[in-house]
Amino acid sequence: MQYLKTSNCVICGCKAEYWHGHVVAKERMALGNLIDKKIGAGFCEAHLDTKCNNALGNYGEYSTELMGKCIPLFST
């Protein structure tokens, strides 16, 4: 299983420098059904102190246009 994170800030779309919490993306399985997948939420310096509105650390749905592409969480 590969863990992913956003390359851009989930608030403004600038390059992400810090990650906490997650956004929910849809992943297509082999038979065509979609499942929810948690992606690490990235933040820039200006939005680092953004607080989540729930206790689970969910920052909403993943958006390719705003958050950029997903990159590996851990580099090998």
Protein backbone atom coordinates (compact mmCIF):
# COMPACT_ATOMS: atom_id res chain seq x y z
CA MET A 1 0.00 0.00 0.00
CA GLN A 2 1.39 3.37 -1.00
CA TYR A 3 0.68 6.37 1.21
CA LEU A 4 0.20 9.69 -0.63
CA LYS A 5 0.16 13.42 0.17
CA THR A 6 -0.86 16.53 -1.76
CA SER A 7 1.87 18.54 -3.48
CA ASN A 8 0.09 21.89 -2.94
CA CYS A 9 -1.63 23.66 -0.04
CA VAL A 10 -5.27 22.57 0.37
CA ILE A 11 -6.31 26.20 1.10
CA CYS A 12 -4.56 28.35 -1.53
CA GLY A 13 -2.79 25.99 -3.94
CA CYS A 14 0.78 27.18 -3.21
CA LYS A 15 3.58 24.63 -2.80
CA ALA A 16 3.03 22.61 0.39
CA GLU A 17 5.78 22.54 3.03
CA TYR A 18 3.94 20.88 5.93
CA TRP A 19 1.38 18.06 6.14
CA HIS A 20 -1.23 17.20 8.75
CA GLY A 21 -4.70 15.69 8.59
CA HIS A 22 -6.10 14.32 5.35
CA VAL A 23 -8.39 14.89 2.38
CA VAL A 24 -10.56 12.16 0.89
CA ALA A 25 -9.98 11.04 -2.70
CA LYS A 26 -11.73 8.42 -4.79
CA GLU A 27 -9.70 5.43 -6.01
CA ARG A 28 -10.94 3.11 -8.75
CA MET A 29 -10.59 -0.58 -7.92
CA ALA A 30 -10.04 -3.44 -10.40
CA LEU A 31 -13.74 -4.10 -11.00
CA GLY A 32 -14.52 -0.41 -11.52
CA ASN A 33 -15.99 0.43 -8.13
CA LEU A 34 -14.78 3.54 -6.26
CA ILE A 35 -13.51 3.56 -2.69
CA ASP A 36 -12.48 6.43 -0.40
CA LYS A 37 -8.75 6.88 0.11
CA LYS A 38 -7.13 9.22 2.63
CA ILE A 39 -4.46 11.56 1.22
CA GLY A 40 -2.19 13.59 3.52
CA ALA A 41 -3.26 17.27 3.45
CA GLY A 42 -0.48 19.75 2.62
CA PHE A 43 -0.20 23.33 3.86
CA CYS A 44 1.98 26.33 3.03
CA GLU A 45 3.65 28.53 5.65
CA ALA A 46 0.75 31.04 5.64
CA HIS A 47 -1.94 28.40 6.32
CA LEU A 48 0.00 26.12 8.68
CA ASP A 49 -2.14 27.09 11.69
CA THR A 50 -5.43 26.21 9.94
CA LYS A 51 -7.64 24.24 12.27
CA CYS A 52 -9.82 21.36 11.15
CA ASN A 53 -13.56 21.64 11.74
CA ASN A 54 -13.88 18.09 13.07
CA ALA A 55 -11.94 15.82 15.43
CA LEU A 56 -10.99 13.29 12.73
CA GLY A 57 -8.56 15.58 10.84
CA ASN A 58 -10.60 15.57 7.62
CA TYR A 59 -10.09 18.68 5.44
CA GLY A 60 -12.71 17.71 2.83
CA GLU A 61 -12.60 16.28 -0.68
CA TYR A 62 -9.48 16.09 -2.85
CA SER A 63 -9.36 18.51 -5.81
CA THR A 64 -6.68 18.07 -8.49
CA GLU A 65 -7.00 21.68 -9.70
CA LEU A 66 -6.34 23.21 -6.26
CA MET A 67 -4.16 20.62 -4.50
CA GLY A 68 -2.00 19.45 -7.41
CA LYS A 69 -1.03 15.86 -7.98
CA CYS A 70 -0.53 13.27 -5.27
CA ILE A 71 3.06 12.43 -4.40
CA PRO A 72 4.46 9.60 -2.23
CA LEU A 73 4.40 10.37 1.49
CA PHE A 74 7.71 8.63 2.11
CA SER A 75 10.57 8.79 -0.38
CA THR A 76 12.47 5.56 -0.86
